[in-house]
All heavy atoms as atom14 arrays in JSON, in Angstrom:
{
  "sequence": "RWLGVIIAEPEHGSAPLDERHRDLLWILGKTLALASTSRIATTVGERA",
  "atom14_mask": [
    [1, 1, 1, 1, 1, 1, 1, 1, 1, 1, 1, 0, 0, 0],
    [1, 1, 1, 1, 1, 1, 1, 1, 1, 1, 1, 1, 1, 1],
    [1, 1, 1, 1, 1, 1, 1, 1, 0, 0, 0, 0, 0, 0],
    [1, 1, 1, 1, 0, 0, 0, 0, 0, 0, 0, 0, 0, 0],
    [1, 1, 1, 1, 1, 1, 1, 0, 0, 0, 0, 0, 0, 0],
    [1, 1, 1, 1, 1, 1, 1, 1, 0, 0, 0, 0, 0, 0],
    [1, 1, 1, 1, 1, 1, 1, 1, 0, 0, 0, 0, 0, 0],
    [1, 1, 1, 1, 1, 0, 0, 0, 0, 0, 0, 0, 0, 0],
    [1, 1, 1, 1, 1, 1, 1, 1, 1, 0, 0, 0, 0, 0],
    [1, 1, 1, 1, 1, 1, 1, 0, 0, 0, 0, 0, 0, 0],
    [1, 1, 1, 1, 1, 1, 1, 1, 1, 0, 0, 0, 0, 0],
    [1, 1, 1, 1, 1, 1, 1, 1, 1, 1, 0, 0, 0, 0],
    [1, 1, 1, 1, 0, 0, 0, 0, 0, 0, 0, 0, 0, 0],
    [1, 1, 1, 1, 1, 1, 0, 0, 0, 0, 0, 0, 0, 0],
    [1, 1, 1, 1, 1, 0, 0, 0, 0, 0, 0, 0, 0, 0],
    [1, 1, 1, 1, 1, 1, 1, 0, 0, 0, 0, 0, 0, 0],
    [1, 1, 1, 1, 1, 1, 1, 1, 0, 0, 0, 0, 0, 0],
    [1, 1, 1, 1, 1, 1, 1, 1, 0, 0, 0, 0, 0, 0],
    [1, 1, 1, 1, 1, 1, 1, 1, 1, 0, 0, 0, 0, 0],
    [1, 1, 1, 1, 1, 1, 1, 1, 1, 1, 1, 0, 0, 0],
    [1, 1, 1, 1, 1, 1, 1, 1, 1, 1, 0, 0, 0, 0],
    [1, 1, 1, 1, 1, 1, 1, 1, 1, 1, 1, 0, 0, 0],
    [1, 1, 1, 1, 1, 1, 1, 1, 0, 0, 0, 0, 0, 0],
    [1, 1, 1, 1, 1, 1, 1, 1, 0, 0, 0, 0, 0, 0],
    [1, 1, 1, 1, 1, 1, 1, 1, 0, 0, 0, 0, 0, 0],
    [1, 1, 1, 1, 1, 1, 1, 1, 1, 1, 1, 1, 1, 1],
    [1, 1, 1, 1, 1, 1, 1, 1, 0, 0, 0, 0, 0, 0],
    [1, 1, 1, 1, 1, 1, 1, 1, 0, 0, 0, 0, 0, 0],
    [1, 1, 1, 1, 0, 0, 0, 0, 0, 0, 0, 0, 0, 0],
    [1, 1, 1, 1, 1, 1, 1, 1, 1, 0, 0, 0, 0, 0],
    [1, 1, 1, 1, 1, 1, 1, 0, 0, 0, 0, 0, 0, 0],
    [1, 1, 1, 1, 1, 1, 1, 1, 0, 0, 0, 0, 0, 0],
    [1, 1, 1, 1, 1, 0, 0, 0, 0, 0, 0, 0, 0, 0],
    [1, 1, 1, 1, 1, 1, 1, 1, 0, 0, 0, 0, 0, 0],
    [1, 1, 1, 1, 1, 0, 0, 0, 0, 0, 0, 0, 0, 0],
    [1, 1, 1, 1, 1, 1, 0, 0, 0, 0, 0, 0, 0, 0],
    [1, 1, 1, 1, 1, 1, 1, 0, 0, 0, 0, 0, 0, 0],
    [1, 1, 1, 1, 1, 1, 0, 0, 0, 0, 0, 0, 0, 0],
    [1, 1, 1, 1, 1, 1, 1, 1, 1, 1, 1, 0, 0, 0],
    [1, 1, 1, 1, 1, 1, 1, 1, 0, 0, 0, 0, 0, 0],
    [1, 1, 1, 1, 1, 0, 0, 0, 0, 0, 0, 0, 0, 0],
    [1, 1, 1, 1, 1, 1, 1, 0, 0, 0, 0, 0, 0, 0],
    [1, 1, 1, 1, 1, 1, 1, 0, 0, 0, 0, 0, 0, 0],
    [1, 1, 1, 1, 1, 1, 1, 0, 0, 0, 0, 0, 0, 0],
    [1, 1, 1, 1, 0, 0, 0, 0, 0, 0, 0, 0, 0, 0],
    [1, 1, 1, 1, 1, 1, 1, 1, 1, 0, 0, 0, 0, 0],
    [1, 1, 1, 1, 1, 1, 1, 1, 1, 1, 1, 0, 0, 0],
    [1, 1, 1, 1, 1, 0, 0, 0, 0, 0, 0, 0, 0, 0]
  ],
  "atom14_positions": [
    [[5.0, 14.9, 0.51], [5.8, 15.07, -0.7], [6.84, 16.16, -0.47], [6.51, 17.27, -0.07], [4.9, 15.46, -1.88], [5.67, 15.63, -3.19], [4.75, 16.08, -4.3], [5.49, 16.27, -5.54], [4.99, 16.85, -6.63], [3.73, 17.26, -6.63], [5.72, 17.0, -7.71], [0.0, 0.0, 0.0], [0.0, 0.0, 0.0], [0.0, 0.0, 0.0]],
    [[8.1, 15.85, -0.73], [9.18, 16.82, -0.57], [9.21, 17.74, -1.8], [9.57, 17.32, -2.9], [10.52, 16.12, -0.44], [10.64, 15.24, 0.78], [9.69, 15.04, 1.75], [11.77, 14.45, 1.15], [10.15, 14.19, 2.71], [11.43, 13.79, 2.38], [13.02, 14.22, 0.6], [12.3, 12.94, 3.02], [13.89, 13.36, 1.25], [13.54, 12.73, 2.45]],
    [[8.87, 19.0, -1.6], [8.85, 19.96, -2.69], [10.11, 20.82, -2.73], [10.5, 21.3, -3.78], [7.62, 20.87, -2.58], [6.26, 20.16, -2.63], [5.14, 21.16, -2.37], [6.07, 19.47, -3.97], [0.0, 0.0, 0.0], [0.0, 0.0, 0.0], [0.0, 0.0, 0.0], [0.0, 0.0, 0.0], [0.0, 0.0, 0.0], [0.0, 0.0, 0.0]],
    [[10.73, 21.01, -1.55], [11.93, 21.83, -1.52], [12.31, 22.19, -0.09], [11.72, 21.69, 0.87], [0.0, 0.0, 0.0], [0.0, 0.0, 0.0], [0.0, 0.0, 0.0], [0.0, 0.0, 0.0], [0.0, 0.0, 0.0], [0.0, 0.0, 0.0], [0.0, 0.0, 0.0], [0.0, 0.0, 0.0], [0.0, 0.0, 0.0], [0.0, 0.0, 0.0]],
    [[13.28, 23.08, 0.01], [13.77, 23.53, 1.31], [14.1, 25.02, 1.23], [14.64, 25.48, 0.22], [15.05, 22.75, 1.73], [15.63, 23.32, 3.02], [14.76, 21.28, 1.9], [0.0, 0.0, 0.0], [0.0, 0.0, 0.0], [0.0, 0.0, 0.0], [0.0, 0.0, 0.0], [0.0, 0.0, 0.0], [0.0, 0.0, 0.0], [0.0, 0.0, 0.0]],
    [[13.75, 25.75, 2.3], [14.21, 27.12, 2.44], [15.47, 27.08, 3.3], [15.45, 26.53, 4.41], [13.17, 28.01, 3.14], [11.8, 27.92, 2.45], [13.64, 29.47, 3.17], [10.68, 28.54, 3.26], [0.0, 0.0, 0.0], [0.0, 0.0, 0.0], [0.0, 0.0, 0.0], [0.0, 0.0, 0.0], [0.0, 0.0, 0.0], [0.0, 0.0, 0.0]],
    [[16.57, 27.63, 2.79], [17.79, 27.77, 3.58], [17.97, 29.25, 3.84], [18.16, 30.04, 2.9], [19.01, 27.17, 2.86], [18.77, 25.67, 2.6], [20.26, 27.37, 3.69], [19.95, 24.96, 1.94], [0.0, 0.0, 0.0], [0.0, 0.0, 0.0], [0.0, 0.0, 0.0], [0.0, 0.0, 0.0], [0.0, 0.0, 0.0], [0.0, 0.0, 0.0]],
    [[17.88, 29.66, 5.11], [17.9, 31.08, 5.46], [18.98, 31.37, 6.49], [19.37, 30.5, 7.28], [16.53, 31.5, 6.0], [0.0, 0.0, 0.0], [0.0, 0.0, 0.0], [0.0, 0.0, 0.0], [0.0, 0.0, 0.0], [0.0, 0.0, 0.0], [0.0, 0.0, 0.0], [0.0, 0.0, 0.0], [0.0, 0.0, 0.0], [0.0, 0.0, 0.0]],
    [[19.46, 32.6, 6.45], [20.45, 33.06, 7.42], [19.83, 34.16, 8.27], [19.39, 35.18, 7.74], [21.69, 33.59, 6.71], [22.76, 34.12, 7.65], [23.89, 34.81, 6.91], [24.17, 34.43, 5.76], [24.48, 35.74, 7.49], [0.0, 0.0, 0.0], [0.0, 0.0, 0.0], [0.0, 0.0, 0.0], [0.0, 0.0, 0.0], [0.0, 0.0, 0.0]],
    [[19.76, 34.0, 9.61], [19.21, 35.04, 10.47], [20.04, 36.32, 10.42], [21.19, 36.32, 9.98], [19.24, 34.41, 11.86], [19.35, 32.93, 11.6], [20.14, 32.8, 10.34], [0.0, 0.0, 0.0], [0.0, 0.0, 0.0], [0.0, 0.0, 0.0], [0.0, 0.0, 0.0], [0.0, 0.0, 0.0], [0.0, 0.0, 0.0], [0.0, 0.0, 0.0]],
    [[19.43, 37.42, 10.85], [20.16, 38.68, 10.95], [21.36, 38.49, 11.87], [21.3, 37.73, 12.86], [19.25, 39.78, 11.49], [18.12, 40.17, 10.56], [18.6, 40.97, 9.36], [19.8, 41.31, 9.32], [17.77, 41.26, 8.49], [0.0, 0.0, 0.0], [0.0, 0.0, 0.0], [0.0, 0.0, 0.0], [0.0, 0.0, 0.0], [0.0, 0.0, 0.0]],
    [[22.45, 39.17, 11.57], [23.65, 39.06, 12.39], [23.36, 39.5, 13.82], [22.7, 40.51, 14.05], [24.78, 39.92, 11.8], [25.31, 39.38, 10.52], [26.13, 40.09, 9.68], [25.14, 38.17, 9.92], [26.44, 39.36, 8.64], [25.86, 38.19, 8.74], [0.0, 0.0, 0.0], [0.0, 0.0, 0.0], [0.0, 0.0, 0.0], [0.0, 0.0, 0.0]],
    [[23.82, 38.74, 14.76], [23.61, 39.06, 16.16], [22.3, 38.54, 16.73], [22.01, 38.74, 17.92], [0.0, 0.0, 0.0], [0.0, 0.0, 0.0], [0.0, 0.0, 0.0], [0.0, 0.0, 0.0], [0.0, 0.0, 0.0], [0.0, 0.0, 0.0], [0.0, 0.0, 0.0], [0.0, 0.0, 0.0], [0.0, 0.0, 0.0], [0.0, 0.0, 0.0]],
    [[21.52, 37.85, 15.9], [20.24, 37.33, 16.38], [20.48, 36.18, 17.35], [21.43, 35.41, 17.22], [19.39, 36.82, 15.21], [19.09, 37.88, 14.32], [0.0, 0.0, 0.0], [0.0, 0.0, 0.0], [0.0, 0.0, 0.0], [0.0, 0.0, 0.0], [0.0, 0.0, 0.0], [0.0, 0.0, 0.0], [0.0, 0.0, 0.0], [0.0, 0.0, 0.0]],
    [[19.55, 36.06, 18.31], [19.61, 34.94, 19.25], [19.16, 33.68, 18.53], [18.48, 33.74, 17.49], [18.7, 35.23, 20.44], [0.0, 0.0, 0.0], [0.0, 0.0, 0.0], [0.0, 0.0, 0.0], [0.0, 0.0, 0.0], [0.0, 0.0, 0.0], [0.0, 0.0, 0.0], [0.0, 0.0, 0.0], [0.0, 0.0, 0.0], [0.0, 0.0, 0.0]],
    [[19.54, 32.52, 19.04], [19.05, 31.27, 18.44], [17.53, 31.25, 18.38], [16.86, 31.92, 19.18], [19.59, 30.19, 19.39], [20.8, 30.81, 20.0], [20.48, 32.27, 20.16], [0.0, 0.0, 0.0], [0.0, 0.0, 0.0], [0.0, 0.0, 0.0], [0.0, 0.0, 0.0], [0.0, 0.0, 0.0], [0.0, 0.0, 0.0], [0.0, 0.0, 0.0]],
    [[16.98, 30.51, 17.45], [15.54, 30.47, 17.26], [14.82, 30.02, 18.53], [15.22, 29.03, 19.16], [15.16, 29.53, 16.12], [15.58, 29.91, 14.7], [15.1, 28.84, 13.72], [15.01, 31.27, 14.3], [0.0, 0.0, 0.0], [0.0, 0.0, 0.0], [0.0, 0.0, 0.0], [0.0, 0.0, 0.0], [0.0, 0.0, 0.0], [0.0, 0.0, 0.0]],
    [[13.77, 30.75, 18.88], [12.91, 30.28, 19.96], [11.71, 29.57, 19.33], [11.57, 29.47, 18.1], [12.46, 31.43, 20.85], [11.77, 32.56, 20.08], [11.31, 32.29, 18.94], [11.69, 33.68, 20.59], [0.0, 0.0, 0.0], [0.0, 0.0, 0.0], [0.0, 0.0, 0.0], [0.0, 0.0, 0.0], [0.0, 0.0, 0.0], [0.0, 0.0, 0.0]],
    [[10.83, 29.07, 20.17], [9.69, 28.29, 19.67], [8.79, 29.12, 18.77], [8.23, 28.62, 17.79], [8.9, 27.73, 20.86], [8.0, 26.56, 20.49], [8.79, 25.35, 19.99], [9.97, 25.19, 20.38], [8.22, 24.57, 19.2], [0.0, 0.0, 0.0], [0.0, 0.0, 0.0], [0.0, 0.0, 0.0], [0.0, 0.0, 0.0], [0.0, 0.0, 0.0]],
    [[8.67, 30.41, 19.09], [7.8, 31.28, 18.29], [8.32, 31.39, 16.85], [7.55, 31.28, 15.89], [7.72, 32.66, 18.92], [6.84, 33.66, 18.16], [6.79, 34.99, 18.88], [8.07, 35.69, 18.78], [8.41, 36.5, 17.75], [7.56, 36.67, 16.77], [9.57, 37.09, 17.74], [0.0, 0.0, 0.0], [0.0, 0.0, 0.0], [0.0, 0.0, 0.0]],
    [[9.64, 31.61, 16.71], [10.2, 31.73, 15.37], [10.16, 30.41, 14.62], [9.97, 30.38, 13.4], [11.64, 32.25, 15.45], [11.75, 33.74, 15.49], [11.76, 34.46, 16.65], [11.81, 34.64, 14.47], [11.84, 35.75, 16.37], [11.88, 35.9, 15.06], [0.0, 0.0, 0.0], [0.0, 0.0, 0.0], [0.0, 0.0, 0.0], [0.0, 0.0, 0.0]],
    [[10.36, 29.31, 15.32], [10.27, 28.0, 14.66], [8.87, 27.77, 14.13], [8.68, 27.26, 13.02], [10.66, 26.89, 15.63], [12.14, 26.85, 15.98], [12.47, 25.71, 16.94], [13.85, 25.77, 17.37], [14.87, 25.26, 16.69], [14.65, 24.64, 15.54], [16.11, 25.36, 17.15], [0.0, 0.0, 0.0], [0.0, 0.0, 0.0], [0.0, 0.0, 0.0]],
    [[7.87, 28.12, 14.95], [6.48, 27.96, 14.52], [6.21, 28.78, 13.27], [5.56, 28.32, 12.32], [5.53, 28.4, 15.64], [5.49, 27.42, 16.8], [5.99, 26.28, 16.61], [4.98, 27.77, 17.86], [0.0, 0.0, 0.0], [0.0, 0.0, 0.0], [0.0, 0.0, 0.0], [0.0, 0.0, 0.0], [0.0, 0.0, 0.0], [0.0, 0.0, 0.0]],
    [[6.69, 30.03, 13.29], [6.46, 30.93, 12.17], [7.1, 30.39, 10.9], [6.48, 30.35, 9.82], [7.0, 32.31, 12.51], [6.85, 33.39, 11.43], [5.4, 33.59, 11.05], [7.47, 34.69, 11.91], [0.0, 0.0, 0.0], [0.0, 0.0, 0.0], [0.0, 0.0, 0.0], [0.0, 0.0, 0.0], [0.0, 0.0, 0.0], [0.0, 0.0, 0.0]],
    [[8.35, 29.96, 10.99], [9.05, 29.44, 9.82], [8.4, 28.15, 9.31], [8.32, 27.93, 8.1], [10.52, 29.18, 10.16], [11.39, 30.44, 10.3], [12.69, 30.13, 11.0], [11.64, 31.07, 8.93], [0.0, 0.0, 0.0], [0.0, 0.0, 0.0], [0.0, 0.0, 0.0], [0.0, 0.0, 0.0], [0.0, 0.0, 0.0], [0.0, 0.0, 0.0]],
    [[7.94, 27.31, 10.22], [7.3, 26.06, 9.81], [6.04, 26.34, 8.99], [5.81, 25.72, 7.95], [6.98, 25.24, 11.04], [6.44, 23.87, 10.74], [7.16, 22.77, 10.38], [5.07, 23.44, 10.79], [6.34, 21.69, 10.19], [5.04, 22.08, 10.44], [3.88, 24.09, 11.1], [3.85, 21.34, 10.38], [2.69, 23.37, 11.05], [2.69, 22.01, 10.69]],
    [[5.2, 27.29, 9.48], [3.98, 27.59, 8.74], [4.29, 28.3, 7.43], [3.59, 28.13, 6.43], [3.0, 28.43, 9.6], [1.61, 28.45, 8.93], [3.49, 29.85, 9.78], [0.96, 27.1, 8.77], [0.0, 0.0, 0.0], [0.0, 0.0, 0.0], [0.0, 0.0, 0.0], [0.0, 0.0, 0.0], [0.0, 0.0, 0.0], [0.0, 0.0, 0.0]],
    [[5.39, 29.07, 7.4], [5.81, 29.67, 6.12], [6.18, 28.58, 5.12], [5.85, 28.66, 3.93], [7.0, 30.6, 6.34], [6.68, 31.98, 6.94], [7.95, 32.71, 7.31], [5.85, 32.81, 5.97], [0.0, 0.0, 0.0], [0.0, 0.0, 0.0], [0.0, 0.0, 0.0], [0.0, 0.0, 0.0], [0.0, 0.0, 0.0], [0.0, 0.0, 0.0]],
    [[6.87, 27.54, 5.61], [7.2, 26.42, 4.72], [5.95, 25.74, 4.19], [5.87, 25.39, 3.01], [0.0, 0.0, 0.0], [0.0, 0.0, 0.0], [0.0, 0.0, 0.0], [0.0, 0.0, 0.0], [0.0, 0.0, 0.0], [0.0, 0.0, 0.0], [0.0, 0.0, 0.0], [0.0, 0.0, 0.0], [0.0, 0.0, 0.0], [0.0, 0.0, 0.0]],
    [[4.95, 25.55, 5.07], [3.69, 24.94, 4.64], [2.97, 25.82, 3.62], [2.38, 25.33, 2.65], [2.79, 24.69, 5.84], [3.28, 23.61, 6.79], [3.37, 22.26, 6.07], [3.87, 21.17, 7.0], [4.11, 19.89, 6.28], [0.0, 0.0, 0.0], [0.0, 0.0, 0.0], [0.0, 0.0, 0.0], [0.0, 0.0, 0.0], [0.0, 0.0, 0.0]],
    [[3.01, 27.13, 3.86], [2.33, 28.04, 2.94], [3.03, 28.07, 1.59], [2.39, 28.14, 0.54], [2.28, 29.45, 3.54], [1.77, 29.39, 4.87], [1.36, 30.35, 2.72], [0.0, 0.0, 0.0], [0.0, 0.0, 0.0], [0.0, 0.0, 0.0], [0.0, 0.0, 0.0], [0.0, 0.0, 0.0], [0.0, 0.0, 0.0], [0.0, 0.0, 0.0]],
    [[4.36, 28.01, 1.6], [5.09, 27.94, 0.34], [4.78, 26.64, -0.39], [4.73, 26.61, -1.62], [6.6, 28.05, 0.59], [7.19, 29.44, 0.36], [6.64, 30.41, 1.4], [8.71, 29.4, 0.44], [0.0, 0.0, 0.0], [0.0, 0.0, 0.0], [0.0, 0.0, 0.0], [0.0, 0.0, 0.0], [0.0, 0.0, 0.0], [0.0, 0.0, 0.0]],
    [[4.59, 25.55, 0.38], [4.21, 24.28, -0.25], [2.86, 24.43, -0.95], [2.66, 23.94, -2.06], [4.14, 23.18, 0.8], [0.0, 0.0, 0.0], [0.0, 0.0, 0.0], [0.0, 0.0, 0.0], [0.0, 0.0, 0.0], [0.0, 0.0, 0.0], [0.0, 0.0, 0.0], [0.0, 0.0, 0.0], [0.0, 0.0, 0.0], [0.0, 0.0, 0.0]],
    [[1.94, 25.15, -0.29], [0.63, 25.38, -0.9], [0.76, 26.21, -2.16], [0.15, 25.91, -3.2], [-0.29, 26.08, 0.11], [-1.67, 26.52, -0.4], [-2.47, 25.32, -0.85], [-2.41, 27.3, 0.68], [0.0, 0.0, 0.0], [0.0, 0.0, 0.0], [0.0, 0.0, 0.0], [0.0, 0.0, 0.0], [0.0, 0.0, 0.0], [0.0, 0.0, 0.0]],
    [[1.58, 27.28, -2.09], [1.78, 28.13, -3.26], [2.4, 27.34, -4.41], [2.02, 27.48, -5.57], [2.66, 29.32, -2.89], [0.0, 0.0, 0.0], [0.0, 0.0, 0.0], [0.0, 0.0, 0.0], [0.0, 0.0, 0.0], [0.0, 0.0, 0.0], [0.0, 0.0, 0.0], [0.0, 0.0, 0.0], [0.0, 0.0, 0.0], [0.0, 0.0, 0.0]],
    [[3.38, 26.48, -4.07], [4.08, 25.7, -5.1], [3.14, 24.69, -5.76], [3.11, 24.55, -6.98], [5.28, 24.98, -4.49], [6.0, 24.28, -5.47], [0.0, 0.0, 0.0], [0.0, 0.0, 0.0], [0.0, 0.0, 0.0], [0.0, 0.0, 0.0], [0.0, 0.0, 0.0], [0.0, 0.0, 0.0], [0.0, 0.0, 0.0], [0.0, 0.0, 0.0]],
    [[2.35, 23.98, -4.92], [1.44, 22.99, -5.49], [0.33, 23.66, -6.31], [-0.13, 23.1, -7.3], [0.8, 22.13, -4.38], [0.23, 22.99, -3.37], [1.83, 21.24, -3.73], [0.0, 0.0, 0.0], [0.0, 0.0, 0.0], [0.0, 0.0, 0.0], [0.0, 0.0, 0.0], [0.0, 0.0, 0.0], [0.0, 0.0, 0.0], [0.0, 0.0, 0.0]],
    [[-0.07, 24.86, -5.89], [-1.07, 25.6, -6.68], [-0.51, 25.96, -8.04], [-1.19, 25.85, -9.06], [-1.49, 26.87, -5.93], [-2.1, 26.57, -4.71], [0.0, 0.0, 0.0], [0.0, 0.0, 0.0], [0.0, 0.0, 0.0], [0.0, 0.0, 0.0], [0.0, 0.0, 0.0], [0.0, 0.0, 0.0], [0.0, 0.0, 0.0], [0.0, 0.0, 0.0]],
    [[0.77, 26.36, -8.06], [1.41, 26.69, -9.34], [1.53, 25.45, -10.21], [1.31, 25.49, -11.42], [2.78, 27.29, -9.06], [3.46, 27.89, -10.29], [4.78, 28.54, -9.86], [5.48, 29.1, -11.0], [5.33, 30.31, -11.46], [4.44, 31.11, -10.89], [6.02, 30.75, -12.5], [0.0, 0.0, 0.0], [0.0, 0.0, 0.0], [0.0, 0.0, 0.0]],
    [[1.89, 24.3, -9.58], [1.99, 23.05, -10.33], [0.63, 22.66, -10.89], [0.5, 22.23, -12.04], [2.53, 21.93, -9.42], [4.0, 22.22, -9.06], [2.42, 20.57, -10.09], [4.55, 21.3, -7.99], [0.0, 0.0, 0.0], [0.0, 0.0, 0.0], [0.0, 0.0, 0.0], [0.0, 0.0, 0.0], [0.0, 0.0, 0.0], [0.0, 0.0, 0.0]],
    [[-0.44, 22.83, -10.05], [-1.79, 22.48, -10.5], [-2.2, 23.34, -11.69], [-2.85, 22.87, -12.63], [-2.78, 22.65, -9.36], [0.0, 0.0, 0.0], [0.0, 0.0, 0.0], [0.0, 0.0, 0.0], [0.0, 0.0, 0.0], [0.0, 0.0, 0.0], [0.0, 0.0, 0.0], [0.0, 0.0, 0.0], [0.0, 0.0, 0.0], [0.0, 0.0, 0.0]],
    [[-1.8, 24.62, -11.65], [-2.11, 25.51, -12.77], [-1.43, 25.03, -14.04], [-2.02, 25.01, -15.13], [-1.66, 26.94, -12.45], [-2.36, 27.4, -11.28], [-1.96, 27.88, -13.6], [0.0, 0.0, 0.0], [0.0, 0.0, 0.0], [0.0, 0.0, 0.0], [0.0, 0.0, 0.0], [0.0, 0.0, 0.0], [0.0, 0.0, 0.0], [0.0, 0.0, 0.0]],
    [[-0.16, 24.61, -13.91], [0.58, 24.11, -15.07], [-0.06, 22.84, -15.63], [-0.2, 22.67, -16.85], [2.04, 23.83, -14.69], [2.64, 25.02, -14.2], [2.83, 23.33, -15.89], [0.0, 0.0, 0.0], [0.0, 0.0, 0.0], [0.0, 0.0, 0.0], [0.0, 0.0, 0.0], [0.0, 0.0, 0.0], [0.0, 0.0, 0.0], [0.0, 0.0, 0.0]],
    [[-0.46, 21.94, -14.72], [-1.12, 20.7, -15.15], [-2.41, 21.02, -15.88], [-2.75, 20.41, -16.9], [-1.38, 19.79, -13.94], [-2.26, 18.61, -14.34], [-0.07, 19.28, -13.37], [0.0, 0.0, 0.0], [0.0, 0.0, 0.0], [0.0, 0.0, 0.0], [0.0, 0.0, 0.0], [0.0, 0.0, 0.0], [0.0, 0.0, 0.0], [0.0, 0.0, 0.0]],
    [[-3.16, 22.0, -15.35], [-4.4, 22.4, -16.01], [-4.16, 22.95, -17.4], [-4.91, 22.66, -18.34], [0.0, 0.0, 0.0], [0.0, 0.0, 0.0], [0.0, 0.0, 0.0], [0.0, 0.0, 0.0], [0.0, 0.0, 0.0], [0.0, 0.0, 0.0], [0.0, 0.0, 0.0], [0.0, 0.0, 0.0], [0.0, 0.0, 0.0], [0.0, 0.0, 0.0]],
    [[-3.09, 23.74, -17.55], [-2.77, 24.29, -18.86], [-2.41, 23.17, -19.84], [-2.8, 23.21, -21.01], [-1.6, 25.28, -18.72], [-1.98, 26.57, -18.0], [-0.77, 27.44, -17.74], [0.36, 26.98, -17.98], [-0.96, 28.59, -17.3], [0.0, 0.0, 0.0], [0.0, 0.0, 0.0], [0.0, 0.0, 0.0], [0.0, 0.0, 0.0], [0.0, 0.0, 0.0]],
    [[-1.66, 22.18, -19.35], [-1.28, 21.07, -20.24], [-2.51, 20.24, -20.62], [-2.59, 19.73, -21.74], [-0.23, 20.19, -19.55], [1.1, 20.89, -19.38], [2.14, 19.98, -18.75], [3.43, 20.65, -18.63], [4.5, 20.11, -18.08], [4.44, 18.87, -17.6], [5.63, 20.79, -17.99], [0.0, 0.0, 0.0], [0.0, 0.0, 0.0], [0.0, 0.0, 0.0]],
    [[-3.45, 20.12, -19.66], [-4.68, 19.39, -19.98], [-5.46, 20.11, -21.06], [-6.02, 19.49, -21.97], [-5.53, 19.24, -18.71], [0.0, 0.0, 0.0], [0.0, 0.0, 0.0], [0.0, 0.0, 0.0], [0.0, 0.0, 0.0], [0.0, 0.0, 0.0], [0.0, 0.0, 0.0], [0.0, 0.0, 0.0], [0.0, 0.0, 0.0], [0.0, 0.0, 0.0]]
  ]
}
């Protein structure tokens, strides 16, 4: 399920992303998905 997108700008002068940074950002996206769905579940519970 597409919940959203993070659009970020690296610090000026930073090197292109290496595999380590890609891994980190990917898991951050997954964690934000978890946080977002948890918030949605809370809202659904309140409406119930």
